[in-house]
């Protein structure tokens, strides 16, 4: 987490890596932590390891999802906090950014 001011505007930037298991509390913990920065423009990036919109983000024919409850939890928190998925906003039909790994680590 980085917090600072640029030209009298407060910014909070968070890079995160989410768990690969169904863990909706993770999203709530992040939102709770970011509430300390409500007067700031918040930028969140990283890999949440969850699908926000299964119809838009899954590969064609893919039925596997890392998380079952995360999509609803993430959408709800985004709406409540006034956040948007900026990439999805400007690329509503694209799927190229998804990473599909066929190996186990």
PDB file of N, CA and C in Angstrom:
ATOM      1  N   UNK A   1       0.835  -1.165   0.000  1.00  0.00           N
ATOM      2  CA  UNK A   1       0.000   0.000   0.000  1.00  0.00           C
ATOM      3  C   UNK A   1       0.883   1.233   0.000  1.00  0.00           C
ATOM      4  N   UNK A   2       0.577   2.141  -0.893  1.00  0.00           N
ATOM      5  CA  UNK A   2       1.290   3.415  -0.951  1.00  0.00           C
ATOM      6  C   UNK A   2       0.247   4.520  -0.856  1.00  0.00           C
ATOM      7  N   UNK A   3       0.481   5.484   0.002  1.00  0.00           N
ATOM      8  CA  UNK A   3      -0.431   6.614   0.150  1.00  0.00           C
ATOM      9  C   UNK A   3       0.383   7.896   0.040  1.00  0.00           C
ATOM     10  N   UNK A   4      -0.128   8.844  -0.742  1.00  0.00           N
ATOM     11  CA  UNK A   4       0.579  10.104  -0.888  1.00  0.00           C
ATOM     12  C   UNK A   4      -0.283  11.164  -1.545  1.00  0.00           C
ATOM     13  N   UNK A   5       0.311  12.310  -1.767  1.00  0.00           N
ATOM     14  CA  UNK A   5      -0.395  13.450  -2.357  1.00  0.00           C
ATOM     15  C   UNK A   5       0.363  13.926  -3.584  1.00  0.00           C
ATOM     16  N   UNK A   6      -0.389  14.161  -4.658  1.00  0.00           N
ATOM     17  CA  UNK A   6       0.162  14.711  -5.882  1.00  0.00           C
ATOM     18  C   UNK A   6      -0.710  15.894  -6.268  1.00  0.00           C
ATOM     19  N   UNK A   7      -0.120  17.073  -6.404  1.00  0.00           N
ATOM     20  CA  UNK A   7      -0.862  18.293  -6.746  1.00  0.00           C
ATOM     21  C   UNK A   7      -2.097  18.476  -5.867  1.00  0.00           C
ATOM     22  N   UNK A   8      -1.913  18.343  -4.563  1.00  0.00           N
ATOM     23  CA  UNK A   8      -2.971  18.525  -3.565  1.00  0.00           C
ATOM     24  C   UNK A   8      -4.094  17.496  -3.666  1.00  0.00           C
ATOM     25  N   UNK A   9      -3.900  16.410  -4.392  1.00  0.00           N
ATOM     26  CA  UNK A   9      -4.886  15.321  -4.472  1.00  0.00           C
ATOM     27  C   UNK A   9      -4.295  14.091  -3.788  1.00  0.00           C
ATOM     28  N   UNK A  10      -5.042  13.541  -2.862  1.00  0.00           N
ATOM     29  CA  UNK A  10      -4.603  12.366  -2.128  1.00  0.00           C
ATOM     30  C   UNK A  10      -4.859  11.100  -2.953  1.00  0.00           C
ATOM     31  N   UNK A  11      -3.850  10.213  -3.014  1.00  0.00           N
ATOM     32  CA  UNK A  11      -3.957   8.950  -3.732  1.00  0.00           C
ATOM     33  C   UNK A  11      -3.533   7.800  -2.821  1.00  0.00           C
ATOM     34  N   UNK A  12      -4.232   6.706  -2.953  1.00  0.00           N
ATOM     35  CA  UNK A  12      -3.866   5.478  -2.261  1.00  0.00           C
ATOM     36  C   UNK A  12      -3.781   4.387  -3.316  1.00  0.00           C
ATOM     37  N   UNK A  13      -2.634   3.732  -3.398  1.00  0.00           N
ATOM     38  CA  UNK A  13      -2.433   2.678  -4.387  1.00  0.00           C
ATOM     39  C   UNK A  13      -2.147   1.370  -3.663  1.00  0.00           C
ATOM     40  N   UNK A  14      -2.865   0.337  -4.081  1.00  0.00           N
ATOM     41  CA  UNK A  14      -2.730  -0.963  -3.448  1.00  0.00           C
ATOM     42  C   UNK A  14      -2.488  -2.020  -4.512  1.00  0.00           C
ATOM     43  N   UNK A  15      -1.431  -2.782  -4.347  1.00  0.00           N
ATOM     44  CA  UNK A  15      -1.156  -3.924  -5.210  1.00  0.00           C
ATOM     45  C   UNK A  15      -1.397  -5.162  -4.359  1.00  0.00           C
ATOM     46  N   UNK A  16      -2.226  -6.083  -4.859  1.00  0.00           N
ATOM     47  CA  UNK A  16      -2.537  -7.254  -4.050  1.00  0.00           C
ATOM     48  C   UNK A  16      -2.515  -8.532  -4.860  1.00  0.00           C
ATOM     49  N   UNK A  17      -2.387  -9.608  -4.144  1.00  0.00           N
ATOM     50  CA  UNK A  17      -2.450 -10.944  -4.731  1.00  0.00           C
ATOM     51  C   UNK A  17      -3.398 -11.747  -3.862  1.00  0.00           C
ATOM     52  N   UNK A  18      -4.548 -12.113  -4.426  1.00  0.00           N
ATOM     53  CA  UNK A  18      -5.572 -12.806  -3.666  1.00  0.00           C
ATOM     54  C   UNK A  18      -5.345 -14.298  -3.580  1.00  0.00           C
ATOM     55  N   UNK A  19      -5.971 -14.912  -2.590  1.00  0.00           N
ATOM     56  CA  UNK A  19      -5.846 -16.361  -2.436  1.00  0.00           C
ATOM     57  C   UNK A  19      -6.510 -17.099  -3.597  1.00  0.00           C
ATOM     58  N   UNK A  20      -6.030 -18.307  -3.895  1.00  0.00           N
ATOM     59  CA  UNK A  20      -6.588 -19.093  -4.991  1.00  0.00           C
ATOM     60  C   UNK A  20      -7.769 -19.940  -4.545  1.00  0.00           C
ATOM     61  N   UNK A  21      -8.202 -19.779  -3.319  1.00  0.00           N
ATOM     62  CA  UNK A  21      -9.352 -20.519  -2.811  1.00  0.00           C
ATOM     63  C   UNK A  21     -10.524 -19.563  -2.618  1.00  0.00           C
ATOM     64  N   UNK A  22     -11.711 -20.110  -2.434  1.00  0.00           N
ATOM     65  CA  UNK A  22     -12.892 -19.296  -2.199  1.00  0.00           C
ATOM     66  C   UNK A  22     -12.772 -18.634  -0.833  1.00  0.00           C
ATOM     67  N   UNK A  23     -12.486 -17.361  -0.821  1.00  0.00           N
ATOM     68  CA  UNK A  23     -12.241 -16.639   0.418  1.00  0.00           C
ATOM     69  C   UNK A  23     -12.844 -15.243   0.318  1.00  0.00           C
ATOM     70  N   UNK A  24     -14.193 -15.132   0.396  1.00  0.00           N
ATOM     71  CA  UNK A  24     -14.832 -13.820   0.248  1.00  0.00           C
ATOM     72  C   UNK A  24     -14.427 -12.827   1.332  1.00  0.00           C
ATOM     73  N   UNK A  25     -13.989 -13.312   2.498  1.00  0.00           N
ATOM     74  CA  UNK A  25     -13.563 -12.404   3.562  1.00  0.00           C
ATOM     75  C   UNK A  25     -12.364 -11.568   3.143  1.00  0.00           C
ATOM     76  N   UNK A  26     -11.580 -12.081   2.199  1.00  0.00           N
ATOM     77  CA  UNK A  26     -10.416 -11.348   1.691  1.00  0.00           C
ATOM     78  C   UNK A  26     -10.843  -9.986   1.142  1.00  0.00           C
ATOM     79  N   UNK A  27     -11.913  -9.982   0.346  1.00  0.00           N
ATOM     80  CA  UNK A  27     -12.412  -8.739  -0.234  1.00  0.00           C
ATOM     81  C   UNK A  27     -12.885  -7.794   0.866  1.00  0.00           C
ATOM     82  N   UNK A  28     -13.600  -8.316   1.836  1.00  0.00           N
ATOM     83  CA  UNK A  28     -14.079  -7.476   2.938  1.00  0.00           C
ATOM     84  C   UNK A  28     -12.916  -6.890   3.742  1.00  0.00           C
ATOM     85  N   UNK A  29     -11.849  -7.667   3.937  1.00  0.00           N
ATOM     86  CA  UNK A  29     -10.677  -7.162   4.650  1.00  0.00           C
ATOM     87  C   UNK A  29     -10.010  -6.021   3.889  1.00  0.00           C
ATOM     88  N   UNK A  30      -9.908  -6.158   2.579  1.00  0.00           N
ATOM     89  CA  UNK A  30      -9.302  -5.105   1.762  1.00  0.00           C
ATOM     90  C   UNK A  30     -10.144  -3.835   1.836  1.00  0.00           C
ATOM     91  N   UNK A  31     -11.451  -3.980   1.654  1.00  0.00           N
ATOM     92  CA  UNK A  31     -12.351  -2.814   1.700  1.00  0.00           C
ATOM     93  C   UNK A  31     -12.293  -2.150   3.076  1.00  0.00           C
ATOM     94  N   UNK A  32     -12.286  -2.948   4.131  1.00  0.00           N
ATOM     95  CA  UNK A  32     -12.206  -2.392   5.486  1.00  0.00           C
ATOM     96  C   UNK A  32     -10.920  -1.590   5.665  1.00  0.00           C
ATOM     97  N   UNK A  33      -9.817  -2.122   5.159  1.00  0.00           N
ATOM     98  CA  UNK A  33      -8.536  -1.427   5.272  1.00  0.00           C
ATOM     99  C   UNK A  33      -8.543  -0.118   4.468  1.00  0.00           C
ATOM    100  N   UNK A  34      -9.161  -0.131   3.309  1.00  0.00           N
ATOM    101  CA  UNK A  34      -9.192   1.063   2.457  1.00  0.00           C
ATOM    102  C   UNK A  34     -10.126   2.150   2.992  1.00  0.00           C
ATOM    103  N   UNK A  35     -11.002   1.806   3.924  1.00  0.00           N
ATOM    104  CA  UNK A  35     -11.904   2.805   4.496  1.00  0.00           C
ATOM    105  C   UNK A  35     -11.157   3.904   5.236  1.00  0.00           C
ATOM    106  N   UNK A  36      -9.928   3.636   5.625  1.00  0.00           N
ATOM    107  CA  UNK A  36      -9.099   4.668   6.268  1.00  0.00           C
ATOM    108  C   UNK A  36      -8.692   5.760   5.288  1.00  0.00           C
ATOM    109  N   UNK A  37      -8.929   5.539   4.003  1.00  0.00           N
ATOM    110  CA  UNK A  37      -8.484   6.471   2.971  1.00  0.00           C
ATOM    111  C   UNK A  37      -9.670   6.978   2.143  1.00  0.00           C
ATOM    112  N   UNK A  38     -10.796   7.251   2.791  1.00  0.00           N
ATOM    113  CA  UNK A  38     -12.017   7.638   2.060  1.00  0.00           C
ATOM    114  C   UNK A  38     -11.891   8.980   1.349  1.00  0.00           C
ATOM    115  N   UNK A  39     -10.995   9.835   1.767  1.00  0.00           N
ATOM    116  CA  UNK A  39     -10.808  11.128   1.103  1.00  0.00           C
ATOM    117  C   UNK A  39      -9.723  11.061   0.034  1.00  0.00           C
ATOM    118  N   UNK A  40      -9.420   9.873  -0.415  1.00  0.00           N
ATOM    119  CA  UNK A  40      -8.341   9.638  -1.355  1.00  0.00           C
ATOM    120  C   UNK A  40      -8.884   8.972  -2.611  1.00  0.00           C
ATOM    121  N   UNK A  41      -8.211   9.203  -3.722  1.00  0.00           N
ATOM    122  CA  UNK A  41      -8.512   8.433  -4.934  1.00  0.00           C
ATOM    123  C   UNK A  41      -7.784   7.104  -4.785  1.00  0.00           C
ATOM    124  N   UNK A  42      -8.528   6.024  -4.907  1.00  0.00           N
ATOM    125  CA  UNK A  42      -7.970   4.707  -4.640  1.00  0.00           C
ATOM    126  C   UNK A  42      -7.778   3.940  -5.938  1.00  0.00           C
ATOM    127  N   UNK A  43      -6.572   3.414  -6.101  1.00  0.00           N
ATOM    128  CA  UNK A  43      -6.223   2.581  -7.254  1.00  0.00           C
ATOM    129  C   UNK A  43      -5.816   1.208  -6.727  1.00  0.00           C
ATOM    130  N   UNK A  44      -6.497   0.172  -7.201  1.00  0.00           N
ATOM    131  CA  UNK A  44      -6.184  -1.182  -6.773  1.00  0.00           C
ATOM    132  C   UNK A  44      -5.771  -1.975  -7.998  1.00  0.00           C
ATOM    133  N   UNK A  45      -4.666  -2.655  -7.903  1.00  0.00           N
ATOM    134  CA  UNK A  45      -4.188  -3.488  -9.000  1.00  0.00           C
ATOM    135  C   UNK A  45      -3.654  -4.791  -8.456  1.00  0.00           C
ATOM    136  N   UNK A  46      -3.352  -5.691  -9.356  1.00  0.00           N
ATOM    137  CA  UNK A  46      -2.797  -6.962  -8.942  1.00  0.00           C
ATOM    138  C   UNK A  46      -3.599  -8.114  -9.489  1.00  0.00           C
ATOM    139  N   UNK A  47      -3.605  -9.199  -8.758  1.00  0.00           N
ATOM    140  CA  UNK A  47      -4.299 -10.416  -9.167  1.00  0.00           C
ATOM    141  C   UNK A  47      -5.162 -10.873  -8.010  1.00  0.00           C
ATOM    142  N   UNK A  48      -6.475 -10.736  -8.165  1.00  0.00           N
ATOM    143  CA  UNK A  48      -7.372 -11.143  -7.082  1.00  0.00           C
ATOM    144  C   UNK A  48      -7.695 -12.634  -7.136  1.00  0.00           C
ATOM    145  N   UNK A  49      -7.238 -13.320  -8.183  1.00  0.00           N
ATOM    146  CA  UNK A  49      -7.479 -14.752  -8.349  1.00  0.00           C
ATOM    147  C   UNK A  49      -8.954 -15.102  -8.249  1.00  0.00           C
ATOM    148  N   UNK A  50      -9.781 -14.240  -8.784  1.00  0.00           N
ATOM    149  CA  UNK A  50     -11.216 -14.482  -8.798  1.00  0.00           C
ATOM    150  C   UNK A  50     -11.800 -13.841 -10.040  1.00  0.00           C
ATOM    151  N   UNK A  51     -12.916 -14.343 -10.446  1.00  0.00           N
ATOM    152  CA  UNK A  51     -13.609 -13.827 -11.613  1.00  0.00           C
ATOM    153  C   UNK A  51     -14.718 -12.898 -11.122  1.00  0.00           C
ATOM    154  N   UNK A  52     -14.738 -11.667 -11.619  1.00  0.00           N
ATOM    155  CA  UNK A  52     -15.773 -10.724 -11.217  1.00  0.00           C
ATOM    156  C   UNK A  52     -17.049 -10.967 -12.008  1.00  0.00           C
ATOM    157  N   UNK A  53     -16.912 -11.180 -13.296  1.00  0.00           N
ATOM    158  CA  UNK A  53     -18.061 -11.435 -14.163  1.00  0.00           C
ATOM    159  C   UNK A  53     -17.781 -12.701 -14.974  1.00  0.00           C
ATOM    160  N   UNK A  54     -18.275 -13.860 -14.519  1.00  0.00           N
ATOM    161  CA  UNK A  54     -17.953 -15.120 -15.185  1.00  0.00           C
ATOM    162  C   UNK A  54     -18.301 -15.148 -16.675  1.00  0.00           C
ATOM    163  N   UNK A  55     -19.385 -14.529 -17.081  1.00  0.00           N
ATOM    164  CA  UNK A  55     -19.761 -14.538 -18.489  1.00  0.00           C
ATOM    165  C   UNK A  55     -18.797 -13.746 -19.348  1.00  0.00           C
ATOM    166  N   UNK A  56     -18.259 -12.670 -18.821  1.00  0.00           N
ATOM    167  CA  UNK A  56     -17.363 -11.813 -19.601  1.00  0.00           C
ATOM    168  C   UNK A  56     -15.909 -12.236 -19.501  1.00  0.00           C
ATOM    169  N   UNK A  57     -15.528 -12.909 -18.435  1.00  0.00           N
ATOM    170  CA  UNK A  57     -14.114 -13.115 -18.168  1.00  0.00           C
ATOM    171  C   UNK A  57     -13.600 -14.536 -18.311  1.00  0.00           C
ATOM    172  N   UNK A  58     -14.447 -15.492 -18.438  1.00  0.00           N
ATOM    173  CA  UNK A  58     -13.955 -16.859 -18.570  1.00  0.00           C
ATOM    174  C   UNK A  58     -13.671 -17.185 -20.029  1.00  0.00           C
ATOM    175  N   UNK A  59     -12.706 -18.039 -20.246  1.00  0.00           N
ATOM    176  CA  UNK A  59     -12.387 -18.494 -21.594  1.00  0.00           C
ATOM    177  C   UNK A  59     -13.568 -19.265 -22.157  1.00  0.00           C
ATOM    178  N   UNK A  60     -13.699 -19.240 -23.447  1.00  0.00           N
ATOM    179  CA  UNK A  60     -14.789 -19.939 -24.113  1.00  0.00           C
ATOM    180  C   UNK A  60     -14.775 -21.419 -23.728  1.00  0.00           C
ATOM    181  N   UNK A  61     -15.893 -21.878 -23.203  1.00  0.00           N
ATOM    182  CA  UNK A  61     -16.022 -23.285 -22.860  1.00  0.00           C
ATOM    183  C   UNK A  61     -15.424 -23.655 -21.517  1.00  0.00           C
ATOM    184  N   UNK A  62     -14.853 -22.735 -20.807  1.00  0.00           N
ATOM    185  CA  UNK A  62     -14.241 -23.037 -19.520  1.00  0.00           C
ATOM    186  C   UNK A  62     -15.292 -23.032 -18.427  1.00  0.00           C
ATOM    187  N   UNK A  63     -15.363 -24.109 -17.695  1.00  0.00           N
ATOM    188  CA  UNK A  63     -16.349 -24.193 -16.620  1.00  0.00           C
ATOM    189  C   UNK A  63     -15.701 -24.035 -15.254  1.00  0.00           C
ATOM    190  N   UNK A  64     -14.370 -24.074 -15.197  1.00  0.00           N
ATOM    191  CA  UNK A  64     -13.679 -24.004 -13.911  1.00  0.00           C
ATOM    192  C   UNK A  64     -13.579 -22.567 -13.430  1.00  0.00           C
ATOM    193  N   UNK A  65     -13.896 -22.377 -12.167  1.00  0.00           N
ATOM    194  CA  UNK A  65     -13.724 -21.074 -11.536  1.00  0.00           C
ATOM    195  C   UNK A  65     -12.946 -21.286 -10.248  1.00  0.00           C
ATOM    196  N   UNK A  66     -12.006 -20.387  -9.958  1.00  0.00           N
ATOM    197  CA  UNK A  66     -11.257 -20.493  -8.709  1.00  0.00           C
ATOM    198  C   UNK A  66     -12.148 -20.234  -7.503  1.00  0.00           C
ATOM    199  N   UNK A  67     -13.160 -19.426  -7.651  1.00  0.00           N
ATOM    200  CA  UNK A  67     -13.965 -19.022  -6.518  1.00  0.00           C
ATOM    201  C   UNK A  67     -15.441 -19.110  -6.854  1.00  0.00           C
ATOM    202  N   UNK A  68     -16.237 -19.490  -5.881  1.00  0.00           N
ATOM    203  CA  UNK A  68     -17.668 -19.595  -6.115  1.00  0.00           C
ATOM    204  C   UNK A  68     -18.437 -18.392  -5.598  1.00  0.00           C
ATOM    205  N   UNK A  69     -18.032 -17.820  -4.478  1.00  0.00           N
ATOM    206  CA  UNK A  69     -18.775 -16.694  -3.919  1.00  0.00           C
ATOM    207  C   UNK A  69     -18.105 -15.347  -4.162  1.00  0.00           C
ATOM    208  N   UNK A  70     -16.881 -15.348  -4.617  1.00  0.00           N
ATOM    209  CA  UNK A  70     -16.159 -14.092  -4.812  1.00  0.00           C
ATOM    210  C   UNK A  70     -16.813 -13.140  -5.811  1.00  0.00           C
ATOM    211  N   UNK A  71     -17.353 -13.617  -6.945  1.00  0.00           N
ATOM    212  CA  UNK A  71     -17.933 -12.643  -7.888  1.00  0.00           C
ATOM    213  C   UNK A  71     -18.982 -11.736  -7.248  1.00  0.00           C
ATOM    214  N   UNK A  72     -19.909 -12.299  -6.519  1.00  0.00           N
ATOM    215  CA  UNK A  72     -20.935 -11.491  -5.870  1.00  0.00           C
ATOM    216  C   UNK A  72     -20.369 -10.584  -4.798  1.00  0.00           C
ATOM    217  N   UNK A  73     -19.417 -11.111  -4.038  1.00  0.00           N
ATOM    218  CA  UNK A  73     -18.789 -10.323  -2.970  1.00  0.00           C
ATOM    219  C   UNK A  73     -18.015  -9.151  -3.552  1.00  0.00           C
ATOM    220  N   UNK A  74     -17.255  -9.412  -4.598  1.00  0.00           N
ATOM    221  CA  UNK A  74     -16.458  -8.351  -5.216  1.00  0.00           C
ATOM    222  C   UNK A  74     -17.365  -7.297  -5.834  1.00  0.00           C
ATOM    223  N   UNK A  75     -18.368  -7.727  -6.601  1.00  0.00           N
ATOM    224  CA  UNK A  75     -19.292  -6.768  -7.224  1.00  0.00           C
ATOM    225  C   UNK A  75     -19.975  -5.905  -6.172  1.00  0.00           C
ATOM    226  N   UNK A  76     -20.451  -6.530  -5.110  1.00  0.00           N
ATOM    227  CA  UNK A  76     -21.138  -5.796  -4.044  1.00  0.00           C
ATOM    228  C   UNK A  76     -20.228  -4.742  -3.412  1.00  0.00           C
ATOM    229  N   UNK A  77     -18.993  -5.128  -3.111  1.00  0.00           N
ATOM    230  CA  UNK A  77     -18.049  -4.184  -2.506  1.00  0.00           C
ATOM    231  C   UNK A  77     -17.683  -3.065  -3.473  1.00  0.00           C
ATOM    232  N   UNK A  78     -17.535  -3.396  -4.754  1.00  0.00           N
ATOM    233  CA  UNK A  78     -17.215  -2.372  -5.745  1.00  0.00           C
ATOM    234  C   UNK A  78     -18.344  -1.352  -5.847  1.00  0.00           C
ATOM    235  N   UNK A  79     -19.576  -1.817  -5.890  1.00  0.00           N
ATOM    236  CA  UNK A  79     -20.726  -0.906  -5.975  1.00  0.00           C
ATOM    237  C   UNK A  79     -20.796  -0.042  -4.724  1.00  0.00           C
ATOM    238  N   UNK A  80     -20.644  -0.665  -3.568  1.00  0.00           N
ATOM    239  CA  UNK A  80     -20.738   0.059  -2.293  1.00  0.00           C
ATOM    240  C   UNK A  80     -19.667   1.141  -2.181  1.00  0.00           C
ATOM    241  N   UNK A  81     -18.476   0.865  -2.719  1.00  0.00           N
ATOM    242  CA  UNK A  81     -17.361   1.808  -2.627  1.00  0.00           C
ATOM    243  C   UNK A  81     -17.249   2.732  -3.833  1.00  0.00           C
ATOM    244  N   UNK A  82     -18.142   2.563  -4.824  1.00  0.00           N
ATOM    245  CA  UNK A  82     -18.093   3.412  -6.014  1.00  0.00           C
ATOM    246  C   UNK A  82     -16.893   3.110  -6.899  1.00  0.00           C
ATOM    247  N   UNK A  83     -16.456   1.844  -6.916  1.00  0.00           N
ATOM    248  CA  UNK A  83     -15.284   1.454  -7.692  1.00  0.00           C
ATOM    249  C   UNK A  83     -15.719   0.804  -9.002  1.00  0.00           C
ATOM    250  N   UNK A  84     -14.854   0.869 -10.002  1.00  0.00           N
ATOM    251  CA  UNK A  84     -15.112   0.232 -11.287  1.00  0.00           C
ATOM    252  C   UNK A  84     -13.875  -0.547 -11.718  1.00  0.00           C
ATOM    253  N   UNK A  85     -14.092  -1.541 -12.549  1.00  0.00           N
ATOM    254  CA  UNK A  85     -13.003  -2.266 -13.195  1.00  0.00           C
ATOM    255  C   UNK A  85     -12.693  -1.468 -14.456  1.00  0.00           C
ATOM    256  N   UNK A  86     -11.694  -0.628 -14.400  1.00  0.00           N
ATOM    257  CA  UNK A  86     -11.410   0.308 -15.481  1.00  0.00           C
ATOM    258  C   UNK A  86     -11.053  -0.423 -16.770  1.00  0.00           C
ATOM    259  N   UNK A  87     -10.344  -1.553 -16.662  1.00  0.00           N
ATOM    260  CA  UNK A  87      -9.997  -2.306 -17.866  1.00  0.00           C
ATOM    261  C   UNK A  87     -11.257  -2.832 -18.538  1.00  0.00           C
ATOM    262  N   UNK A  88     -12.152  -3.395 -17.750  1.00  0.00           N
ATOM    263  CA  UNK A  88     -13.393  -3.942 -18.296  1.00  0.00           C
ATOM    264  C   UNK A  88     -14.269  -2.822 -18.857  1.00  0.00           C
ATOM    265  N   UNK A  89     -14.256  -1.652 -18.241  1.00  0.00           N
ATOM    266  CA  UNK A  89     -15.042  -0.512 -18.715  1.00  0.00           C
ATOM    267  C   UNK A  89     -14.640  -0.125 -20.134  1.00  0.00           C
ATOM    268  N   UNK A  90     -13.336  -0.103 -20.402  1.00  0.00           N
ATOM    269  CA  UNK A  90     -12.848   0.296 -21.723  1.00  0.00           C
ATOM    270  C   UNK A  90     -12.672  -0.878 -22.690  1.00  0.00           C
ATOM    271  N   UNK A  91     -12.776  -2.098 -22.193  1.00  0.00           N
ATOM    272  CA  UNK A  91     -12.620  -3.298 -23.023  1.00  0.00           C
ATOM    273  C   UNK A  91     -13.716  -4.308 -22.678  1.00  0.00           C
ATOM    274  N   UNK A  92     -14.962  -3.964 -22.919  1.00  0.00           N
ATOM    275  CA  UNK A  92     -16.068  -4.820 -22.452  1.00  0.00           C
ATOM    276  C   UNK A  92     -16.112  -6.210 -23.076  1.00  0.00           C
ATOM    277  N   UNK A  93     -15.551  -6.400 -24.245  1.00  0.00           N
ATOM    278  CA  UNK A  93     -15.641  -7.695 -24.917  1.00  0.00           C
ATOM    279  C   UNK A  93     -14.316  -8.445 -25.001  1.00  0.00           C
ATOM    280  N   UNK A  94     -13.256  -7.879 -24.467  1.00  0.00           N
ATOM    281  CA  UNK A  94     -11.931  -8.494 -24.580  1.00  0.00           C
ATOM    282  C   UNK A  94     -11.725  -9.568 -23.520  1.00  0.00           C
ATOM    283  N   UNK A  95     -10.942 -10.582 -23.886  1.00  0.00           N
ATOM    284  CA  UNK A  95     -10.575 -11.646 -22.951  1.00  0.00           C
ATOM    285  C   UNK A  95      -9.074 -11.884 -22.964  1.00  0.00           C
ATOM    286  N   UNK A  96      -8.344 -11.132 -23.730  1.00  0.00           N
ATOM    287  CA  UNK A  96      -6.914 -11.366 -23.922  1.00  0.00           C
ATOM    288  C   UNK A  96      -6.086 -11.218 -22.655  1.00  0.00           C
ATOM    289  N   UNK A  97      -6.547 -10.457 -21.695  1.00  0.00           N
ATOM    290  CA  UNK A  97      -5.741 -10.206 -20.509  1.00  0.00           C
ATOM    291  C   UNK A  97      -5.727 -11.386 -19.552  1.00  0.00           C
ATOM    292  N   UNK A  98      -6.662 -12.307 -19.681  1.00  0.00           N
ATOM    293  CA  UNK A  98      -6.725 -13.456 -18.784  1.00  0.00           C
ATOM    294  C   UNK A  98      -5.519 -14.356 -18.967  1.00  0.00           C
ATOM    295  N   UNK A  99      -4.986 -14.837 -17.881  1.00  0.00           N
ATOM    296  CA  UNK A  99      -3.853 -15.759 -17.927  1.00  0.00           C
ATOM    297  C   UNK A  99      -4.360 -17.155 -17.596  1.00  0.00           C
ATOM    298  N   UNK A 100      -4.077 -18.084 -18.457  1.00  0.00           N
ATOM    299  CA  UNK A 100      -4.468 -19.464 -18.219  1.00  0.00           C
ATOM    300  C   UNK A 100      -3.206 -20.281 -18.040  1.00  0.00           C
ATOM    301  N   UNK A 101      -3.058 -20.882 -16.880  1.00  0.00           N
ATOM    302  CA  UNK A 101      -1.882 -21.665 -16.586  1.00  0.00           C
ATOM    303  C   UNK A 101      -2.287 -23.138 -16.496  1.00  0.00           C
ATOM    304  N   UNK A 102      -1.611 -23.979 -17.232  1.00  0.00           N
ATOM    305  CA  UNK A 102      -1.931 -25.403 -17.225  1.00  0.00           C
ATOM    306  C   UNK A 102      -1.011 -26.202 -16.314  1.00  0.00           C
ATOM    307  N   UNK A 103      -0.109 -25.534 -15.604  1.00  0.00           N
ATOM    308  CA  UNK A 103       0.763 -26.242 -14.684  1.00  0.00           C
ATOM    309  C   UNK A 103       0.368 -25.913 -13.249  1.00  0.00           C
ATOM    310  N   UNK A 104       0.718 -26.784 -12.356  1.00  0.00           N
ATOM    311  CA  UNK A 104       0.410 -26.569 -10.933  1.00  0.00           C
ATOM    312  C   UNK A 104       1.682 -26.181 -10.215  1.00  0.00           C
ATOM    313  N   UNK A 105       1.570 -25.128  -9.400  1.00  0.00           N
ATOM    314  CA  UNK A 105       2.728 -24.688  -8.631  1.00  0.00           C
ATOM    315  C   UNK A 105       2.415 -24.700  -7.171  1.00  0.00           C
TER     316      UNK A 105
END
